[in-house]
Protein backbone atom coordinates (compact mmCIF):
# COMPACT_ATOMS: atom_id res chain seq x y z
CA MET A 1 132.93 65.24 -16.75
CA THR A 2 134.19 63.12 -14.02
CA ASP A 3 133.85 59.37 -14.22
CA THR A 4 132.58 57.63 -11.02
CA ASN A 5 131.81 54.08 -9.92
CA TYR A 6 128.22 54.88 -8.71
CA PRO A 7 125.40 54.31 -10.99
CA SER A 8 123.44 57.22 -12.22
CA ALA A 9 119.84 57.89 -11.36
CA THR A 10 118.64 56.85 -14.74
CA SER A 11 120.33 53.56 -14.87
CA THR A 12 118.39 50.29 -14.04
CA THR A 13 119.57 48.53 -11.00
CA PRO A 14 118.76 44.78 -10.83
CA GLN A 15 116.29 43.87 -7.95
CA PRO A 16 117.12 41.19 -5.50
CA LYS A 17 115.74 37.68 -6.16
CA THR A 18 113.94 37.51 -2.79
CA THR A 19 111.80 40.49 -3.66
CA ARG A 20 110.65 38.97 -6.93
CA ASN A 21 109.61 35.77 -5.20
CA ASN A 22 107.52 37.65 -2.67
CA ASN A 23 105.65 39.52 -5.37
CA THR A 24 104.86 36.35 -7.22
CA LYS A 25 103.59 34.74 -4.07
CA ASN A 26 101.40 37.70 -3.31
CA ILE A 27 99.95 37.60 -6.79
CA ILE A 28 99.18 33.89 -6.49
CA ILE A 29 97.62 34.41 -3.09
CA GLY A 30 95.49 37.21 -4.45
CA VAL A 31 94.37 35.13 -7.38
CA LEU A 32 93.51 32.22 -5.10
CA ALA A 33 91.70 34.49 -2.68
CA ALA A 34 89.72 36.00 -5.51
CA GLY A 35 88.90 32.54 -6.83
CA LEU A 36 87.89 31.36 -3.37
CA LEU A 37 85.68 34.40 -2.87
CA GLY A 38 84.16 33.79 -6.27
CA THR A 39 83.53 30.17 -5.40
CA TRP A 40 81.94 31.14 -2.11
CA ALA A 41 79.87 33.73 -3.82
CA TYR A 42 78.73 31.21 -6.43
CA LEU A 43 78.00 28.60 -3.82
CA LEU A 44 76.06 31.13 -1.78
CA TYR A 45 74.13 32.22 -4.88
CA ASP A 46 73.46 28.63 -5.90
CA LYS A 47 72.34 27.78 -2.38
CA ASN A 48 70.02 30.75 -2.29
CA LYS A 49 68.67 29.81 -5.71
CA ALA A 50 68.15 26.18 -4.62
CA GLU A 51 66.42 27.29 -1.44
CA LYS A 52 64.22 29.61 -3.47
CA THR A 53 63.37 26.77 -5.85
CA ILE A 54 62.62 24.46 -2.93
CA ASN A 55 60.49 27.12 -1.30
CA GLU A 56 58.64 27.71 -4.54
CA GLN A 57 58.11 23.98 -4.99
CA GLN A 58 57.00 23.63 -1.38
CA THR A 59 54.62 26.52 -1.86
CA ALA A 60 53.31 24.93 -5.03
CA TYR A 61 52.86 21.58 -3.29
CA THR A 62 51.14 23.26 -0.38
CA LYS A 63 48.90 25.16 -2.76
CA VAL A 64 48.06 21.96 -4.64
CA ALA A 65 47.39 20.13 -1.38
CA ASP A 66 45.21 22.95 -0.09
CA GLU A 67 43.37 23.10 -3.37
CA LYS A 68 42.82 19.34 -3.34
CA SER A 69 41.58 19.54 0.26
CA GLU A 70 39.22 22.34 -0.70
CA LEU A 71 38.00 20.41 -3.73
CA GLN A 72 37.58 17.24 -1.64
CA ALA A 73 35.56 19.18 0.94
CA ASN A 74 33.38 20.69 -1.76
CA PHE A 75 32.97 17.28 -3.36
CA ASN A 76 32.01 15.69 -0.02
CA ALA A 77 29.48 18.46 0.57
CA SER A 78 28.01 17.82 -2.87
CA LEU A 79 27.77 14.10 -2.17
CA ALA A 80 26.08 14.82 1.16
CA ARG A 81 23.49 16.95 -0.63
CA LEU A 82 22.97 14.20 -3.18
CA ASP A 83 22.61 11.52 -0.50
CA SER A 84 20.08 13.62 1.40
CA ILE A 85 18.02 13.96 -1.79
CA THR A 86 18.13 10.34 -2.93
CA GLY A 87 17.84 8.98 0.59
CA ALA A 88 14.58 10.84 1.19
CA ASN A 89 13.03 9.95 -2.14
CA ASN A 90 12.13 6.31 -2.77
CA ASN A 91 11.36 6.98 -6.43
CA LEU A 92 14.90 8.25 -7.04
CA GLN A 93 16.35 5.24 -5.23
CA GLY A 94 14.37 2.78 -7.25
CA GLU A 95 14.73 4.31 -10.70
CA LYS A 96 17.87 5.74 -12.33
CA THR A 97 16.99 8.89 -14.22
CA THR A 98 19.12 10.41 -16.99
CA LEU A 99 20.13 13.19 -14.60
CA GLN A 100 21.27 10.70 -11.99
CA LYS A 101 23.30 8.73 -14.51
CA ASP A 102 25.09 11.95 -15.54
CA ILE A 103 25.75 12.78 -11.88
CA ASP A 104 27.13 9.30 -11.23
CA ALA A 105 29.51 9.63 -14.19
CA LYS A 106 30.83 12.96 -12.91
CA LYS A 107 31.29 11.53 -9.42
CA VAL A 108 33.51 8.78 -10.79
CA GLU A 109 35.70 11.19 -12.79
CA ILE A 110 36.03 13.67 -9.89
CA ARG A 111 37.05 10.90 -7.50
CA LYS A 112 39.67 9.72 -10.00
CA ILE A 113 41.29 13.18 -10.11
CA LEU A 114 41.16 13.75 -6.33
CA ASN A 115 42.66 10.32 -5.64
CA ASP A 116 45.58 11.03 -8.01
CA LYS A 117 48.57 12.13 -5.87
CA ASN A 118 50.25 13.61 -8.95
CA ALA A 119 47.23 15.52 -10.16
CA SER A 120 48.20 18.61 -12.14
CA GLN A 121 46.79 22.10 -11.83
CA ALA A 122 44.94 21.53 -15.07
CA GLN A 123 43.34 18.37 -13.69
CA LEU A 124 42.41 20.13 -10.46
CA ALA A 125 40.92 22.98 -12.46
CA LYS A 126 38.90 20.41 -14.40
CA ALA A 127 37.77 18.80 -11.14
CA ARG A 128 36.70 22.21 -9.82
CA THR A 129 34.67 22.84 -12.96
CA MET A 130 33.09 19.40 -12.75
CA ILE A 131 32.20 19.90 -9.06
CA SER A 132 30.54 23.17 -10.01
CA GLU A 133 28.61 21.36 -12.75
CA LEU A 134 27.77 18.61 -10.27
CA ASN A 135 26.34 21.15 -7.83
CA THR A 136 24.29 22.68 -10.64
CA LYS A 137 22.86 19.28 -11.51
CA ILE A 138 22.22 18.51 -7.84
CA THR A 139 20.36 21.81 -7.57
CA GLY A 140 18.27 20.69 -10.54
CA LEU A 141 17.71 17.37 -8.86
CA GLU A 142 16.62 19.14 -5.67
CA ALA A 143 14.12 21.13 -7.69
CA GLU A 144 12.84 17.91 -9.26
CA VAL A 145 12.54 16.28 -5.85
CA THR A 146 10.70 19.34 -4.53
CA ARG A 147 8.30 19.13 -7.47
CA LEU A 148 7.78 15.40 -6.98
CA THR A 149 7.34 15.89 -3.23
CA GLY A 150 4.71 18.53 -3.90
CA GLU A 151 2.91 16.26 -6.33
CA ASN A 152 3.18 13.41 -3.85
CA GLN A 153 1.67 15.57 -1.12
CA GLU A 154 -1.17 16.51 -3.45
CA LEU A 155 -1.68 12.84 -4.27
CA ASN A 156 -1.61 11.95 -0.57
CA THR A 157 -4.16 14.66 0.13
CA ALA A 158 -6.31 13.44 -2.74
CA ASN A 159 -5.85 9.85 -1.59
CA THR A 160 -6.85 10.80 1.96
CA SER A 161 -9.90 12.55 0.57
CA LEU A 162 -10.76 9.52 -1.57
CA LYS A 163 -10.30 7.22 1.41
CA GLN A 164 -12.63 9.41 3.44
CA GLU A 165 -15.15 9.46 0.62
CA LYS A 166 -14.81 5.69 0.31
CA SER A 167 -15.32 5.32 4.06
CA ASP A 168 -18.38 7.58 3.90
CA LEU A 169 -19.74 5.61 0.95
CA GLU A 170 -19.12 2.32 2.76
CA THR A 171 -20.83 3.71 5.86
CA ASN A 172 -23.75 4.94 3.79
CA LEU A 173 -23.85 1.63 1.94
CA THR A 174 -23.81 -0.28 5.22
CA THR A 175 -26.55 1.96 6.58
CA ARG A 176 -28.61 1.61 3.43
CA THR A 177 -27.98 -2.12 3.32
CA THR A 178 -29.12 -2.39 6.93
CA GLU A 179 -32.14 -0.22 6.17
CA LYS A 180 -32.82 -2.25 3.02
CA GLU A 181 -32.56 -5.52 4.94
CA ALA A 182 -34.81 -4.15 7.66
CA LEU A 183 -37.27 -2.94 5.04
CA GLU A 184 -37.12 -6.25 3.18
CA LYS A 185 -37.68 -8.05 6.46
CA THR A 186 -40.60 -5.78 7.23
CA VAL A 187 -42.02 -6.28 3.76
CA ASP A 188 -41.37 -10.00 4.00
CA VAL A 189 -43.20 -10.24 7.31
CA ALA A 190 -45.94 -7.94 6.08
CA SER A 191 -46.31 -10.11 2.97
CA THR A 192 -47.27 -13.09 5.08
CA PHE A 193 -50.85 -14.19 4.40
CA SER A 194 -53.52 -14.36 7.05
CA ALA A 195 -55.89 -17.33 7.23
CA SER A 196 -59.56 -17.05 8.18
CA ASN A 197 -62.77 -19.06 8.08
CA ILE A 198 -60.91 -22.28 8.95
CA GLN A 199 -63.11 -25.36 8.76
CA VAL A 200 -62.45 -29.11 9.06
CA THR A 201 -65.19 -31.35 7.63
CA PRO A 202 -65.22 -35.18 8.07
CA VAL A 203 -66.46 -36.79 4.87
CA ASP A 204 -67.78 -40.25 4.07
CA GLU A 205 -67.11 -41.24 0.46
CA LYS A 206 -69.66 -43.63 -1.04
CA LYS A 207 -68.81 -46.21 -3.64
CA SER A 208 -71.08 -44.38 -6.02
CA GLY A 209 -68.79 -41.40 -5.74
CA LYS A 210 -71.13 -39.32 -3.67
CA GLU A 211 -69.86 -37.65 -0.53
CA LYS A 212 -71.64 -36.72 2.63
CA ASN A 213 -70.85 -35.59 6.09
CA THR A 214 -70.98 -38.40 8.56
CA ASP A 215 -71.75 -38.62 12.26
CA LYS A 216 -69.83 -41.89 12.74
CA THR A 217 -66.06 -41.86 13.20
CA LYS A 218 -65.61 -45.27 11.60
CA ARG A 219 -67.24 -44.03 8.42
CA VAL A 220 -64.88 -41.03 7.96
CA ASP A 221 -62.74 -41.40 4.85
CA LYS A 222 -61.19 -37.96 4.81
CA LEU A 223 -61.02 -34.66 6.61
CA VAL A 224 -61.49 -31.73 4.26
CA VAL A 225 -59.60 -28.66 5.51
CA SER A 226 -60.78 -25.38 4.05
CA PHE A 227 -59.79 -21.77 4.76
CA ASP A 228 -59.42 -18.39 3.13
CA VAL A 229 -56.08 -16.55 2.68
CA GLU A 230 -55.57 -12.86 2.05
CA ASN A 231 -52.86 -10.17 1.99
CA ARG A 232 -53.05 -6.65 0.62
CA ILE A 233 -49.23 -6.28 0.19
CA ALA A 234 -48.29 -9.62 -1.35
CA LYS A 235 -47.88 -9.47 -5.11
CA SER A 236 -49.88 -11.67 -7.41
CA GLY A 237 -48.32 -15.05 -8.10
CA PRO A 238 -47.73 -18.48 -6.60
CA ALA A 239 -47.56 -18.91 -2.84
CA ASP A 240 -47.10 -22.06 -0.76
CA MET A 241 -49.25 -22.86 2.26
CA TYR A 242 -48.13 -25.59 4.67
CA LEU A 243 -50.66 -27.72 6.50
CA ILE A 244 -49.80 -29.58 9.71
CA VAL A 245 -52.40 -32.03 11.01
CA THR A 246 -51.76 -33.62 14.42
CA ALA A 247 -53.76 -36.76 15.28
CA PRO A 248 -55.23 -37.40 18.75
CA ASP A 249 -52.20 -39.58 19.61
CA GLY A 250 -49.92 -36.53 19.14
CA LYS A 251 -48.36 -37.72 15.88
CA ILE A 252 -48.31 -35.56 12.78
CA ILE A 253 -50.04 -37.07 9.79
CA SER A 254 -47.24 -36.99 7.16
CA GLU A 255 -45.93 -38.96 4.27
CA GLY A 256 -42.14 -39.17 4.28
CA SER A 257 -39.87 -36.76 6.16
CA ASN A 258 -41.24 -33.43 5.05
CA VAL A 259 -39.69 -30.72 7.23
CA LEU A 260 -40.73 -27.07 7.48
CA ASN A 261 -38.36 -24.49 8.96
CA THR A 262 -40.56 -22.13 10.92
CA ARG A 263 -39.44 -18.75 12.24
CA THR A 264 -40.86 -19.19 15.73
CA ASP A 265 -41.33 -22.92 16.35
CA GLY A 266 -38.16 -24.42 14.83
CA ASP A 267 -38.22 -27.31 12.36
CA LYS A 268 -41.50 -29.18 12.13
CA ASN A 269 -42.78 -32.05 10.03
CA PHE A 270 -45.70 -31.01 7.86
CA THR A 271 -48.64 -32.87 6.39
CA ALA A 272 -48.95 -31.15 3.02
CA LYS A 273 -47.68 -28.23 0.97
CA ILE A 274 -50.52 -26.49 -0.83
CA PRO A 275 -49.63 -24.28 -3.82
CA VAL A 276 -51.90 -21.25 -4.22
CA GLU A 277 -52.19 -18.90 -7.17
CA TYR A 278 -52.89 -15.58 -5.53
CA VAL A 279 -54.22 -12.33 -6.95
CA GLN A 280 -53.11 -9.26 -5.00
CA GLY A 281 -55.84 -7.78 -2.83
CA GLU A 282 -58.28 -10.68 -3.28
CA ARG A 283 -59.39 -13.28 -0.75
CA LYS A 284 -58.44 -16.74 -1.96
CA PRO A 285 -60.34 -19.86 -0.80
CA VAL A 286 -58.17 -22.95 -0.22
CA GLN A 287 -59.29 -26.54 0.27
CA PHE A 288 -57.26 -29.69 0.92
CA PRO A 289 -58.30 -33.25 1.87
CA ILE A 290 -56.52 -35.25 4.58
CA ARG A 291 -56.80 -39.01 4.00
CA GLN A 292 -56.03 -41.79 6.46
CA ASN A 293 -56.96 -45.48 6.69
CA ASP A 294 -58.32 -45.21 10.23
CA PHE A 295 -59.24 -41.99 11.90
CA GLN A 296 -58.88 -41.92 15.68
CA THR A 297 -61.35 -40.78 18.24
CA GLY A 298 -60.26 -37.48 19.75
CA ASN A 299 -59.04 -34.03 18.74
CA TYR A 300 -57.38 -33.34 15.41
CA LYS A 301 -55.31 -30.18 15.51
CA ILE A 302 -55.01 -28.21 12.27
CA GLU A 303 -52.16 -25.62 11.80
CA ILE A 304 -51.59 -23.48 8.73
CA TYR A 305 -48.18 -21.91 7.96
CA HIS A 306 -47.01 -19.41 5.38
CA ASN A 307 -43.61 -17.75 5.00
CA GLY A 308 -42.42 -19.58 8.12
CA PHE A 309 -45.16 -18.09 10.30
CA LYS A 310 -48.27 -19.78 11.70
CA ILE A 311 -51.20 -17.93 10.15
CA GLY A 312 -54.09 -19.92 11.60
CA GLU A 313 -55.13 -23.04 13.49
CA GLY A 314 -58.23 -25.02 14.41
CA VAL A 315 -59.32 -28.17 16.24
CA ARG A 316 -61.82 -30.79 15.20
CA SER A 317 -63.07 -33.50 17.58
CA LEU A 318 -64.18 -36.93 16.44
CA LYS A 319 -66.00 -39.35 18.71
CA LYS A 320 -66.73 -43.00 18.28
CA GLY A 321 -70.02 -43.38 16.69
CA GLY A 322 -70.63 -39.64 16.33
CA LEU A 323 -69.29 -36.35 15.06
CA PHE A 324 -68.93 -33.22 17.19
CA SER A 325 -67.89 -29.82 16.01
């Protein structure tokens, strides 16, 4: 075997230093590049995850906001229904029923949830349930109002009928009252007595107590007025006749200020009121003396009144020194 100075193929030849440095650098660069890519990948993943979380949160917020808006709209609609019911019914406005108190309590709790900016899904779900319950109660209230309205209409109809009946009764009463007054007036007028057989007799009273008719005016002590009264309608009982005697000088013979209210001649002074006990259907004779200190020559007018009506009259003439009938 020949010895040479060249190395054999199997022997290890030392590499240059420059080559080793390049390899190390490449390794470091590769590691850094891999780390950088990993960092970018992580950052990209984290960003995507954050965006996804934000999107999910935004979606959740939007959903909550939409749900709150929907609930608020439903709640407003319920309140509008309630206002239309209570506003049209005075009884519901004036008196708080148990149903209304329950509705008012639910309104307060629903408002509290809807006004809470941080209301949870559970709270919103509760509000939705309560709004549904509120609508159910409002429906019940509507039914109650409908029932009350129906009853009120029936009462109004009955009241109208009663008012009409009352008006008819008042009309009938007025008519009957008028008829009754007319009948009473007719009966009253028809019950007035009639006077007949009127006589006026001058009488001279003697000291002995005897009486006789006289033919001398100066001897007349009294005028005896006599007449008969009768009425077939007047009931039995007391009746007052009024006598008015007018002297020749035009003055009424009267004591005091006796005044008779007549129906046709106004107020008149009267001479005497003569009470008569009358029996229905019978003719009653009446007699009354007229006394005076000095009788005048001339005509004495005699008027008889009953029930405010003049029922008879007569005239008697006296002359000086004689009597004329």
